[in-house]
């Protein structure tokens, strides 16, 4: 009998008002255990307020929320949460080891465990051998790494990361991406807020776009693209029967045979596992295959279309249907 999996985060009609103005309104979200979930929106969309409510730092005006199957007000639940805020105030007179020891004790870790765990997390975030240096001498990027070390120190089951790569160079961003992927492999849920959409695109299993207190769209990258995978094909020529064979595998959206000795096609597939059959169809037709390139959905384009109300963007009431098992909601962050 399979174990029943709970949602790591579940909210229903969550609302937060400040001085009579709603900054989060009707937010309904389901974040599954063990996934990396991207929470995206412009400044002032309610993202930070949402995270604070999920952490129990701010009380909602109305609505319901559950985190790890309980309430963040429960100390046992809160001890299983990790958090890296965007604007973190460090105790700069402390060394990194002292900083992590202090926060580890607050999380209930014992001294013996901290002696083993602190060097581990410092090595994980790229600060191995730097633990005895004062935080006041750290660069901004090093402080970001120290904050990330604090977020994962107590082996949380749910980690909130607010702009975790904002102060990092390209190497640091790759390292953070690897840390996120390692957390997912360990079954840890990661709730990620980042303006670096290319980073989000590479690590997130699902994303939600929020604007003015409303979820505009939510789902996996493939769901947001309508469940299709665009594939660019390049062959030497369109041999007899090739188009018919490809039409049986997917939808041909474009053909370009204006260049002698080359034909380009755009084929939309419903599933990734159809790709080998595409290569086989080209080979069986006698054509030579020069390139077959599946294209990932462009998260930045989708973001701008939705947030800036560009022509062709799906309206909020229909866009959410990409992830039909989730209820539409609203957020402001």
C-alpha atoms as a PDB file:
ATOM      1  CA  UNK A   1       0.000   0.000   0.000  1.00  0.00           C
ATOM      2  CA  UNK A   2       1.491   3.335  -1.037  1.00  0.00           C
ATOM      3  CA  UNK A   3       1.926   6.039   1.585  1.00  0.00           C
ATOM      4  CA  UNK A   4      -0.326   9.027   1.191  1.00  0.00           C
ATOM      5  CA  UNK A   5       1.685  12.105   0.283  1.00  0.00           C
ATOM      6  CA  UNK A   6       0.602  15.450   1.641  1.00  0.00           C
ATOM      7  CA  UNK A   7       1.146  18.821   0.066  1.00  0.00           C
ATOM      8  CA  UNK A   8       4.122  20.655   1.477  1.00  0.00           C
ATOM      9  CA  UNK A   9       2.101  23.884   1.157  1.00  0.00           C
ATOM     10  CA  UNK A  10      -1.641  24.263   0.832  1.00  0.00           C
ATOM     11  CA  UNK A  11      -3.532  27.549   0.940  1.00  0.00           C
ATOM     12  CA  UNK A  12      -7.181  28.321   0.363  1.00  0.00           C
ATOM     13  CA  UNK A  13      -8.436  31.856  -0.272  1.00  0.00           C
ATOM     14  CA  UNK A  14      -5.552  33.306   1.730  1.00  0.00           C
ATOM     15  CA  UNK A  15      -5.850  37.060   2.267  1.00  0.00           C
ATOM     16  CA  UNK A  16      -3.730  39.708   3.969  1.00  0.00           C
ATOM     17  CA  UNK A  17      -4.708  43.335   4.445  1.00  0.00           C
ATOM     18  CA  UNK A  18      -2.608  46.265   5.632  1.00  0.00           C
ATOM     19  CA  UNK A  19      -4.588  49.350   6.654  1.00  0.00           C
ATOM     20  CA  UNK A  20      -7.605  48.153   4.722  1.00  0.00           C
ATOM     21  CA  UNK A  21      -5.659  47.393   1.526  1.00  0.00           C
ATOM     22  CA  UNK A  22      -5.314  43.786   0.381  1.00  0.00           C
ATOM     23  CA  UNK A  23      -1.767  42.821  -0.572  1.00  0.00           C
ATOM     24  CA  UNK A  24      -2.596  39.106  -0.821  1.00  0.00           C
ATOM     25  CA  UNK A  25      -6.118  38.285  -1.920  1.00  0.00           C
ATOM     26  CA  UNK A  26      -7.683  34.861  -2.374  1.00  0.00           C
ATOM     27  CA  UNK A  27      -4.413  32.946  -2.766  1.00  0.00           C
ATOM     28  CA  UNK A  28      -5.012  29.242  -3.421  1.00  0.00           C
ATOM     29  CA  UNK A  29      -1.883  27.156  -3.945  1.00  0.00           C
ATOM     30  CA  UNK A  30      -0.869  23.505  -3.759  1.00  0.00           C
ATOM     31  CA  UNK A  31       2.871  22.850  -3.599  1.00  0.00           C
ATOM     32  CA  UNK A  32       3.737  19.172  -3.675  1.00  0.00           C
ATOM     33  CA  UNK A  33       6.271  17.466  -1.454  1.00  0.00           C
ATOM     34  CA  UNK A  34       9.730  17.229  -2.960  1.00  0.00           C
ATOM     35  CA  UNK A  35       9.243  19.663  -5.839  1.00  0.00           C
ATOM     36  CA  UNK A  36      10.951  22.952  -6.654  1.00  0.00           C
ATOM     37  CA  UNK A  37       8.201  25.545  -6.994  1.00  0.00           C
ATOM     38  CA  UNK A  38       8.828  28.949  -8.565  1.00  0.00           C
ATOM     39  CA  UNK A  39       6.748  31.885  -7.276  1.00  0.00           C
ATOM     40  CA  UNK A  40       7.072  34.668  -9.834  1.00  0.00           C
ATOM     41  CA  UNK A  41       5.739  38.176 -10.145  1.00  0.00           C
ATOM     42  CA  UNK A  42       6.733  41.844 -10.358  1.00  0.00           C
ATOM     43  CA  UNK A  43       7.714  43.927  -7.344  1.00  0.00           C
ATOM     44  CA  UNK A  44       4.685  44.629  -5.180  1.00  0.00           C
ATOM     45  CA  UNK A  45       2.826  41.474  -6.260  1.00  0.00           C
ATOM     46  CA  UNK A  46       2.586  40.108  -2.685  1.00  0.00           C
ATOM     47  CA  UNK A  47       5.313  37.445  -2.878  1.00  0.00           C
ATOM     48  CA  UNK A  48       7.220  38.431   0.244  1.00  0.00           C
ATOM     49  CA  UNK A  49       4.034  38.811   2.298  1.00  0.00           C
ATOM     50  CA  UNK A  50       2.945  35.351   1.152  1.00  0.00           C
ATOM     51  CA  UNK A  51       6.244  33.813   2.255  1.00  0.00           C
ATOM     52  CA  UNK A  52       6.000  35.531   5.656  1.00  0.00           C
ATOM     53  CA  UNK A  53       2.512  34.085   6.188  1.00  0.00           C
ATOM     54  CA  UNK A  54       3.720  30.602   5.208  1.00  0.00           C
ATOM     55  CA  UNK A  55       6.560  30.938   7.733  1.00  0.00           C
ATOM     56  CA  UNK A  56       4.227  32.133  10.485  1.00  0.00           C
ATOM     57  CA  UNK A  57       5.920  35.534  10.680  1.00  0.00           C
ATOM     58  CA  UNK A  58       2.741  37.353   9.590  1.00  0.00           C
ATOM     59  CA  UNK A  59      -0.815  36.317  10.413  1.00  0.00           C
ATOM     60  CA  UNK A  60      -3.303  36.190   7.521  1.00  0.00           C
ATOM     61  CA  UNK A  61      -6.407  38.366   7.643  1.00  0.00           C
ATOM     62  CA  UNK A  62      -8.513  35.432   6.439  1.00  0.00           C
ATOM     63  CA  UNK A  63      -8.280  32.135   4.608  1.00  0.00           C
ATOM     64  CA  UNK A  64      -6.561  28.863   5.398  1.00  0.00           C
ATOM     65  CA  UNK A  65      -3.004  27.608   5.117  1.00  0.00           C
ATOM     66  CA  UNK A  66      -1.153  24.445   5.949  1.00  0.00           C
ATOM     67  CA  UNK A  67       2.593  23.894   5.857  1.00  0.00           C
ATOM     68  CA  UNK A  68       3.941  20.333   6.057  1.00  0.00           C
ATOM     69  CA  UNK A  69       0.492  19.205   7.110  1.00  0.00           C
ATOM     70  CA  UNK A  70       0.180  21.630  10.030  1.00  0.00           C
ATOM     71  CA  UNK A  71       0.443  25.246  11.041  1.00  0.00           C
ATOM     72  CA  UNK A  72       3.698  27.242  11.008  1.00  0.00           C
ATOM     73  CA  UNK A  73       2.747  28.414  14.511  1.00  0.00           C
ATOM     74  CA  UNK A  74       3.580  24.882  15.718  1.00  0.00           C
ATOM     75  CA  UNK A  75       7.237  24.828  16.909  1.00  0.00           C
ATOM     76  CA  UNK A  76       7.630  21.278  15.576  1.00  0.00           C
ATOM     77  CA  UNK A  77       6.569  22.448  12.094  1.00  0.00           C
ATOM     78  CA  UNK A  78       8.657  25.602  12.208  1.00  0.00           C
ATOM     79  CA  UNK A  79      11.759  23.573  13.137  1.00  0.00           C
ATOM     80  CA  UNK A  80      11.430  21.774   9.772  1.00  0.00           C
ATOM     81  CA  UNK A  81      11.435  25.012   7.755  1.00  0.00           C
ATOM     82  CA  UNK A  82      14.430  26.805   6.264  1.00  0.00           C
ATOM     83  CA  UNK A  83      14.442  30.411   5.061  1.00  0.00           C
ATOM     84  CA  UNK A  84      16.827  32.638   3.139  1.00  0.00           C
ATOM     85  CA  UNK A  85      15.323  36.148   2.928  1.00  0.00           C
ATOM     86  CA  UNK A  86      16.386  38.561   0.230  1.00  0.00           C
ATOM     87  CA  UNK A  87      17.371  41.248   2.745  1.00  0.00           C
ATOM     88  CA  UNK A  88      19.138  39.332   5.503  1.00  0.00           C
ATOM     89  CA  UNK A  89      20.692  41.151   8.447  1.00  0.00           C
ATOM     90  CA  UNK A  90      23.747  39.296   9.651  1.00  0.00           C
ATOM     91  CA  UNK A  91      25.453  39.566  13.006  1.00  0.00           C
ATOM     92  CA  UNK A  92      28.600  40.897  11.355  1.00  0.00           C
ATOM     93  CA  UNK A  93      30.672  40.705  14.530  1.00  0.00           C
ATOM     94  CA  UNK A  94      30.285  36.905  14.488  1.00  0.00           C
ATOM     95  CA  UNK A  95      32.328  34.435  12.509  1.00  0.00           C
ATOM     96  CA  UNK A  96      30.438  32.211  10.092  1.00  0.00           C
ATOM     97  CA  UNK A  97      30.825  29.293  12.493  1.00  0.00           C
ATOM     98  CA  UNK A  98      29.439  31.357  15.381  1.00  0.00           C
ATOM     99  CA  UNK A  99      26.569  32.567  13.216  1.00  0.00           C
ATOM    100  CA  UNK A 100      25.611  29.025  12.223  1.00  0.00           C
ATOM    101  CA  UNK A 101      26.045  27.730  15.768  1.00  0.00           C
ATOM    102  CA  UNK A 102      23.719  30.448  17.080  1.00  0.00           C
ATOM    103  CA  UNK A 103      21.026  29.730  14.505  1.00  0.00           C
ATOM    104  CA  UNK A 104      21.507  25.983  14.869  1.00  0.00           C
ATOM    105  CA  UNK A 105      20.841  26.194  18.612  1.00  0.00           C
ATOM    106  CA  UNK A 106      17.711  28.238  17.907  1.00  0.00           C
ATOM    107  CA  UNK A 107      16.601  25.388  15.625  1.00  0.00           C
ATOM    108  CA  UNK A 108      17.176  22.858  18.415  1.00  0.00           C
ATOM    109  CA  UNK A 109      20.401  21.260  17.177  1.00  0.00           C
ATOM    110  CA  UNK A 110      22.728  19.857  19.829  1.00  0.00           C
ATOM    111  CA  UNK A 111      26.372  20.856  20.191  1.00  0.00           C
ATOM    112  CA  UNK A 112      27.693  17.490  18.979  1.00  0.00           C
ATOM    113  CA  UNK A 113      25.554  17.664  15.848  1.00  0.00           C
ATOM    114  CA  UNK A 114      26.578  21.248  15.144  1.00  0.00           C
ATOM    115  CA  UNK A 115      30.276  20.361  15.290  1.00  0.00           C
ATOM    116  CA  UNK A 116      29.706  17.942  12.415  1.00  0.00           C
ATOM    117  CA  UNK A 117      27.009  19.810  10.517  1.00  0.00           C
ATOM    118  CA  UNK A 118      28.549  23.318  10.349  1.00  0.00           C
ATOM    119  CA  UNK A 119      31.651  22.298   8.346  1.00  0.00           C
ATOM    120  CA  UNK A 120      29.388  20.254   6.064  1.00  0.00           C
ATOM    121  CA  UNK A 121      27.105  23.134   5.107  1.00  0.00           C
ATOM    122  CA  UNK A 122      29.988  25.596   4.779  1.00  0.00           C
ATOM    123  CA  UNK A 123      31.580  23.221   2.294  1.00  0.00           C
ATOM    124  CA  UNK A 124      28.263  22.757   0.488  1.00  0.00           C
ATOM    125  CA  UNK A 125      27.846  26.506  -0.136  1.00  0.00           C
ATOM    126  CA  UNK A 126      31.477  27.087  -1.110  1.00  0.00           C
ATOM    127  CA  UNK A 127      32.751  28.544   2.169  1.00  0.00           C
ATOM    128  CA  UNK A 128      34.876  25.614   3.275  1.00  0.00           C
ATOM    129  CA  UNK A 129      37.835  26.862   5.310  1.00  0.00           C
ATOM    130  CA  UNK A 130      36.311  30.329   5.760  1.00  0.00           C
ATOM    131  CA  UNK A 131      34.162  29.578   8.813  1.00  0.00           C
ATOM    132  CA  UNK A 132      36.424  31.329  11.337  1.00  0.00           C
ATOM    133  CA  UNK A 133      36.393  34.638   9.469  1.00  0.00           C
ATOM    134  CA  UNK A 134      34.109  37.422  10.690  1.00  0.00           C
ATOM    135  CA  UNK A 135      31.029  38.019   8.585  1.00  0.00           C
ATOM    136  CA  UNK A 136      31.880  41.725   8.545  1.00  0.00           C
ATOM    137  CA  UNK A 137      34.773  40.893   6.227  1.00  0.00           C
ATOM    138  CA  UNK A 138      32.670  38.848   3.825  1.00  0.00           C
ATOM    139  CA  UNK A 139      31.706  40.080   0.386  1.00  0.00           C
ATOM    140  CA  UNK A 140      28.019  40.326  -0.515  1.00  0.00           C
ATOM    141  CA  UNK A 141      28.228  37.051  -2.393  1.00  0.00           C
ATOM    142  CA  UNK A 142      29.890  35.313   0.562  1.00  0.00           C
ATOM    143  CA  UNK A 143      27.162  36.618   2.877  1.00  0.00           C
ATOM    144  CA  UNK A 144      24.581  35.197   0.489  1.00  0.00           C
ATOM    145  CA  UNK A 145      26.307  31.834   0.753  1.00  0.00           C
ATOM    146  CA  UNK A 146      26.399  32.066   4.554  1.00  0.00           C
ATOM    147  CA  UNK A 147      22.670  32.804   4.602  1.00  0.00           C
ATOM    148  CA  UNK A 148      22.029  29.781   2.388  1.00  0.00           C
ATOM    149  CA  UNK A 149      24.108  27.656   4.764  1.00  0.00           C
ATOM    150  CA  UNK A 150      21.884  28.828   7.605  1.00  0.00           C
ATOM    151  CA  UNK A 151      18.746  27.970   5.628  1.00  0.00           C
ATOM    152  CA  UNK A 152      19.766  24.333   5.120  1.00  0.00           C
ATOM    153  CA  UNK A 153      21.668  23.828   8.400  1.00  0.00           C
ATOM    154  CA  UNK A 154      18.922  22.005  10.329  1.00  0.00           C
ATOM    155  CA  UNK A 155      18.066  19.686   7.413  1.00  0.00           C
ATOM    156  CA  UNK A 156      14.648  21.269   6.776  1.00  0.00           C
ATOM    157  CA  UNK A 157      11.877  19.537   4.828  1.00  0.00           C
ATOM    158  CA  UNK A 158      10.715  22.795   3.243  1.00  0.00           C
ATOM    159  CA  UNK A 159      13.061  25.633   2.250  1.00  0.00           C
ATOM    160  CA  UNK A 160      12.012  29.144   1.216  1.00  0.00           C
ATOM    161  CA  UNK A 161      14.617  30.891  -0.940  1.00  0.00           C
ATOM    162  CA  UNK A 162      14.053  34.572  -1.751  1.00  0.00           C
ATOM    163  CA  UNK A 163      16.418  35.688  -4.540  1.00  0.00           C
ATOM    164  CA  UNK A 164      19.128  33.162  -3.540  1.00  0.00           C
ATOM    165  CA  UNK A 165      21.459  34.020  -6.450  1.00  0.00           C
ATOM    166  CA  UNK A 166      21.028  37.805  -6.577  1.00  0.00           C
ATOM    167  CA  UNK A 167      24.538  38.565  -5.277  1.00  0.00           C
ATOM    168  CA  UNK A 168      26.374  35.684  -6.912  1.00  0.00           C
ATOM    169  CA  UNK A 169      28.578  35.433  -9.970  1.00  0.00           C
ATOM    170  CA  UNK A 170      27.826  32.826 -12.680  1.00  0.00           C
ATOM    171  CA  UNK A 171      29.848  30.142 -10.879  1.00  0.00           C
ATOM    172  CA  UNK A 172      27.957  30.842  -7.657  1.00  0.00           C
ATOM    173  CA  UNK A 173      24.624  30.621  -9.463  1.00  0.00           C
ATOM    174  CA  UNK A 174      25.553  27.222 -10.868  1.00  0.00           C
ATOM    175  CA  UNK A 175      26.540  26.066  -7.371  1.00  0.00           C
ATOM    176  CA  UNK A 176      23.227  27.239  -5.898  1.00  0.00           C
ATOM    177  CA  UNK A 177      21.370  25.458  -8.689  1.00  0.00           C
ATOM    178  CA  UNK A 178      23.255  22.270  -7.821  1.00  0.00           C
ATOM    179  CA  UNK A 179      22.338  22.717  -4.142  1.00  0.00           C
ATOM    180  CA  UNK A 180      18.661  23.108  -5.057  1.00  0.00           C
ATOM    181  CA  UNK A 181      18.795  19.994  -7.229  1.00  0.00           C
ATOM    182  CA  UNK A 182      20.458  18.084  -4.385  1.00  0.00           C
ATOM    183  CA  UNK A 183      17.733  19.189  -1.972  1.00  0.00           C
ATOM    184  CA  UNK A 184      15.066  17.972  -4.394  1.00  0.00           C
ATOM    185  CA  UNK A 185      16.854  14.621  -4.740  1.00  0.00           C
ATOM    186  CA  UNK A 186      16.693  14.314  -0.944  1.00  0.00           C
ATOM    187  CA  UNK A 187      12.936  14.929  -0.998  1.00  0.00           C
ATOM    188  CA  UNK A 188      13.143  18.506   0.280  1.00  0.00           C
ATOM    189  CA  UNK A 189      10.551  20.951  -1.070  1.00  0.00           C
ATOM    190  CA  UNK A 190      11.973  24.275  -2.311  1.00  0.00           C
ATOM    191  CA  UNK A 191       9.788  27.386  -2.651  1.00  0.00           C
ATOM    192  CA  UNK A 192      11.807  29.705  -4.878  1.00  0.00           C
ATOM    193  CA  UNK A 193      11.332  33.391  -5.599  1.00  0.00           C
ATOM    194  CA  UNK A 194      13.785  34.770  -8.134  1.00  0.00           C
ATOM    195  CA  UNK A 195      13.917  37.479 -10.790  1.00  0.00           C
ATOM    196  CA  UNK A 196      16.530  35.458 -12.709  1.00  0.00           C
ATOM    197  CA  UNK A 197      14.034  33.634 -14.880  1.00  0.00           C
ATOM    198  CA  UNK A 198      16.684  31.582 -16.641  1.00  0.00           C
ATOM    199  CA  UNK A 199      17.615  30.121 -13.243  1.00  0.00           C
ATOM    200  CA  UNK A 200      13.977  29.393 -12.417  1.00  0.00           C
ATOM    201  CA  UNK A 201      13.488  27.747 -15.803  1.00  0.00           C
ATOM    202  CA  UNK A 202      16.369  25.362 -15.187  1.00  0.00           C
ATOM    203  CA  UNK A 203      15.456  24.147 -11.695  1.00  0.00           C
ATOM    204  CA  UNK A 204      11.695  24.516 -11.132  1.00  0.00           C
ATOM    205  CA  UNK A 205       9.250  21.653 -11.563  1.00  0.00           C
ATOM    206  CA  UNK A 206       6.280  24.050 -11.560  1.00  0.00           C
ATOM    207  CA  UNK A 207       5.801  27.808 -11.399  1.00  0.00           C
ATOM    208  CA  UNK A 208       3.032  30.266 -10.556  1.00  0.00           C
ATOM    209  CA  UNK A 209       2.800  33.793 -11.991  1.00  0.00           C
ATOM    210  CA  UNK A 210       1.221  36.354  -9.660  1.00  0.00           C
ATOM    211  CA  UNK A 211       0.163  39.953 -10.254  1.00  0.00           C
ATOM    212  CA  UNK A 212      -1.919  42.406  -8.237  1.00  0.00           C
ATOM    213  CA  UNK A 213      -2.933  39.762  -5.781  1.00  0.00           C
ATOM    214  CA  UNK A 214      -3.979  37.203  -8.390  1.00  0.00           C
ATOM    215  CA  UNK A 215      -2.470  33.961  -9.700  1.00  0.00           C
ATOM    216  CA  UNK A 216      -2.450  34.472 -13.449  1.00  0.00           C
ATOM    217  CA  UNK A 217      -1.143  31.043 -14.395  1.00  0.00           C
ATOM    218  CA  UNK A 218       0.280  27.975 -12.692  1.00  0.00           C
ATOM    219  CA  UNK A 219       1.712  24.683 -13.874  1.00  0.00           C
ATOM    220  CA  UNK A 220       4.769  22.870 -15.173  1.00  0.00           C
ATOM    221  CA  UNK A 221       6.706  24.354 -18.058  1.00  0.00           C
ATOM    222  CA  UNK A 222       5.089  21.868 -20.442  1.00  0.00           C
ATOM    223  CA  UNK A 223       1.599  22.572 -19.054  1.00  0.00           C
ATOM    224  CA  UNK A 224       2.121  26.295 -19.489  1.00  0.00           C
ATOM    225  CA  UNK A 225       2.940  25.687 -23.137  1.00  0.00           C
ATOM    226  CA  UNK A 226      -0.315  23.779 -23.598  1.00  0.00           C
ATOM    227  CA  UNK A 227       1.252  20.353 -23.078  1.00  0.00           C
ATOM    228  CA  UNK A 228       3.385  20.429 -26.232  1.00  0.00           C
ATOM    229  CA  UNK A 229       7.106  20.251 -26.987  1.00  0.00           C
ATOM    230  CA  UNK A 230       8.282  22.340 -29.983  1.00  0.00           C
ATOM    231  CA  UNK A 231      11.028  20.555 -31.946  1.00  0.00           C
ATOM    232  CA  UNK A 232      13.170  22.120 -34.686  1.00  0.00           C
ATOM    233  CA  UNK A 233      14.201  19.648 -37.397  1.00  0.00           C
ATOM    234  CA  UNK A 234      16.776  20.129 -40.126  1.00  0.00           C
ATOM    235  CA  UNK A 235      17.123  17.592 -42.933  1.00  0.00           C
ATOM    236  CA  UNK A 236      18.797  17.658 -46.344  1.00  0.00           C
ATOM    237  CA  UNK A 237      15.487  17.425 -48.207  1.00  0.00           C
ATOM    238  CA  UNK A 238      11.850  16.494 -47.740  1.00  0.00           C
ATOM    239  CA  UNK A 239      11.871  12.972 -49.136  1.00  0.00           C
ATOM    240  CA  UNK A 240       8.568  11.351 -50.270  1.00  0.00           C
ATOM    241  CA  UNK A 241       6.423  10.277 -47.332  1.00  0.00           C
ATOM    242  CA  UNK A 242       8.405  12.162 -44.673  1.00  0.00           C
ATOM    243  CA  UNK A 243       5.800  14.860 -44.044  1.00  0.00           C
ATOM    244  CA  UNK A 244       3.052  12.233 -43.799  1.00  0.00           C
ATOM    245  CA  UNK A 245       5.112  10.213 -41.326  1.00  0.00           C
ATOM    246  CA  UNK A 246       5.878  13.279 -39.191  1.00  0.00           C
ATOM    247  CA  UNK A 247       2.225  14.387 -39.306  1.00  0.00           C
ATOM    248  CA  UNK A 248       1.348  11.080 -37.686  1.00  0.00           C
ATOM    249  CA  UNK A 249       3.658  11.871 -34.786  1.00  0.00           C
ATOM    250  CA  UNK A 250       2.823  15.516 -34.135  1.00  0.00           C
ATOM    251  CA  UNK A 251       1.689  18.784 -35.659  1.00  0.00           C
ATOM    252  CA  UNK A 252       3.866  20.375 -38.329  1.00  0.00           C
ATOM    253  CA  UNK A 253       3.747  24.117 -37.660  1.00  0.00           C
ATOM    254  CA  UNK A 254       6.300  25.377 -40.181  1.00  0.00           C
ATOM    255  CA  UNK A 255       8.372  24.223 -43.127  1.00  0.00           C
ATOM    256  CA  UNK A 256      11.173  26.133 -44.838  1.00  0.00           C
ATOM    257  CA  UNK A 257      12.744  24.679 -47.990  1.00  0.00           C
ATOM    258  CA  UNK A 258      14.054  27.892 -49.497  1.00  0.00           C
ATOM    259  CA  UNK A 259      17.712  26.925 -49.048  1.00  0.00           C
ATOM    260  CA  UNK A 260      19.077  24.317 -51.489  1.00  0.00           C
ATOM    261  CA  UNK A 261      20.202  21.129 -49.760  1.00  0.00           C
ATOM    262  CA  UNK A 262      18.386  21.979 -46.536  1.00  0.00           C
ATOM    263  CA  UNK A 263      14.839  21.808 -45.219  1.00  0.00           C
ATOM    264  CA  UNK A 264      13.793  23.148 -41.818  1.00  0.00           C
ATOM    265  CA  UNK A 265      10.624  22.090 -40.008  1.00  0.00           C
ATOM    266  CA  UNK A 266       8.953  22.927 -36.734  1.00  0.00           C
ATOM    267  CA  UNK A 267       7.133  19.945 -35.221  1.00  0.00           C
ATOM    268  CA  UNK A 268       5.022  20.089 -32.055  1.00  0.00           C
ATOM    269  CA  UNK A 269       4.925  16.854 -30.057  1.00  0.00           C
ATOM    270  CA  UNK A 270       2.693  15.871 -27.162  1.00  0.00           C
ATOM    271  CA  UNK A 271       5.376  13.874 -25.328  1.00  0.00           C
ATOM    272  CA  UNK A 272       9.138  13.802 -25.154  1.00  0.00           C
ATOM    273  CA  UNK A 273       9.268  10.031 -25.663  1.00  0.00           C
ATOM    274  CA  UNK A 274       8.096  10.530 -29.275  1.00  0.00           C
ATOM    275  CA  UNK A 275      11.506  12.027 -30.209  1.00  0.00           C
ATOM    276  CA  UNK A 276      13.141   8.662 -31.116  1.00  0.00           C
ATOM    277  CA  UNK A 277      10.245   7.931 -33.475  1.00  0.00           C
ATOM    278  CA  UNK A 278      10.862  11.275 -35.211  1.00  0.00           C
ATOM    279  CA  UNK A 279      14.495  10.348 -35.842  1.00  0.00           C
ATOM    280  CA  UNK A 280      13.398   6.923 -37.095  1.00  0.00           C
ATOM    281  CA  UNK A 281      10.869   8.501 -39.510  1.00  0.00           C
ATOM    282  CA  UNK A 282      13.562  10.734 -40.981  1.00  0.00           C
ATOM    283  CA  UNK A 283      15.946   7.805 -41.393  1.00  0.00           C
ATOM    284  CA  UNK A 284      13.295   5.535 -42.947  1.00  0.00           C
ATOM    285  CA  UNK A 285      12.438   8.213 -45.511  1.00  0.00           C
ATOM    286  CA  UNK A 286      16.037   8.247 -46.723  1.00  0.00           C
ATOM    287  CA  UNK A 287      16.606  11.860 -45.654  1.00  0.00           C
ATOM    288  CA  UNK A 288      19.717  12.895 -43.763  1.00  0.00           C
ATOM    289  CA  UNK A 289      19.094  14.348 -40.305  1.00  0.00           C
ATOM    290  CA  UNK A 290      21.321  17.338 -39.519  1.00  0.00           C
ATOM    291  CA  UNK A 291      19.633  18.543 -36.331  1.00  0.00           C
ATOM    292  CA  UNK A 292      16.743  17.712 -34.001  1.00  0.00           C
ATOM    293  CA  UNK A 293      16.401  20.318 -31.263  1.00  0.00           C
ATOM    294  CA  UNK A 294      13.594  20.210 -28.674  1.00  0.00           C
ATOM    295  CA  UNK A 295      12.897  23.754 -27.458  1.00  0.00           C
ATOM    296  CA  UNK A 296      12.131  24.509 -23.852  1.00  0.00           C
ATOM    297  CA  UNK A 297       9.325  26.985 -23.242  1.00  0.00           C
ATOM    298  CA  UNK A 298      10.647  30.516 -22.870  1.00  0.00           C
ATOM    299  CA  UNK A 299       9.769  31.501 -19.299  1.00  0.00           C
ATOM    300  CA  UNK A 300      10.813  35.117 -19.773  1.00  0.00           C
ATOM    301  CA  UNK A 301       8.473  35.574 -22.729  1.00  0.00           C
ATOM    302  CA  UNK A 302       5.585  33.996 -20.827  1.00  0.00           C
ATOM    303  CA  UNK A 303       6.314  36.201 -17.822  1.00  0.00           C
ATOM    304  CA  UNK A 304       6.342  39.412 -19.854  1.00  0.00           C
ATOM    305  CA  UNK A 305       3.220  38.435 -21.797  1.00  0.00           C
ATOM    306  CA  UNK A 306       1.299  37.839 -18.586  1.00  0.00           C
ATOM    307  CA  UNK A 307       2.668  40.603 -16.385  1.00  0.00           C
ATOM    308  CA  UNK A 308       2.628  43.325 -19.055  1.00  0.00           C
ATOM    309  CA  UNK A 309      -0.705  42.229 -20.572  1.00  0.00           C
ATOM    310  CA  UNK A 310       0.848  41.773 -24.000  1.00  0.00           C
ATOM    311  CA  UNK A 311      -1.405  40.783 -26.892  1.00  0.00           C
ATOM    312  CA  UNK A 312      -1.797  37.048 -27.088  1.00  0.00           C
ATOM    313  CA  UNK A 313      -1.339  36.450 -23.367  1.00  0.00           C
ATOM    314  CA  UNK A 314      -3.947  34.161 -21.863  1.00  0.00           C
ATOM    315  CA  UNK A 315      -6.461  35.946 -19.624  1.00  0.00           C
ATOM    316  CA  UNK A 316      -6.231  35.188 -15.898  1.00  0.00           C
ATOM    317  CA  UNK A 317      -9.516  33.276 -15.766  1.00  0.00           C
ATOM    318  CA  UNK A 318      -8.423  30.826 -18.492  1.00  0.00           C
ATOM    319  CA  UNK A 319      -4.653  30.779 -18.140  1.00  0.00           C
ATOM    320  CA  UNK A 320      -4.758  28.826 -14.893  1.00  0.00           C
ATOM    321  CA  UNK A 321      -6.390  25.917 -16.664  1.00  0.00           C
ATOM    322  CA  UNK A 322      -2.923  24.794 -17.776  1.00  0.00           C
ATOM    323  CA  UNK A 323      -2.700  23.081 -14.379  1.00  0.00           C
ATOM    324  CA  UNK A 324      -6.317  21.976 -14.195  1.00  0.00           C
ATOM    325  CA  UNK A 325      -5.984  20.021 -10.985  1.00  0.00           C
ATOM    326  CA  UNK A 326      -5.144  23.226  -9.105  1.00  0.00           C
ATOM    327  CA  UNK A 327      -7.649  25.818  -8.117  1.00  0.00           C
ATOM    328  CA  UNK A 328      -7.142  29.394  -9.278  1.00  0.00           C
ATOM    329  CA  UNK A 329      -6.004  31.818  -6.631  1.00  0.00           C
ATOM    330  CA  UNK A 330      -4.599  35.204  -5.982  1.00  0.00           C
ATOM    331  CA  UNK A 331      -1.428  36.499  -4.550  1.00  0.00           C
ATOM    332  CA  UNK A 332       0.455  39.621  -3.978  1.00  0.00           C
ATOM    333  CA  UNK A 333       3.924  39.550  -3.049  1.00  0.00           C
END
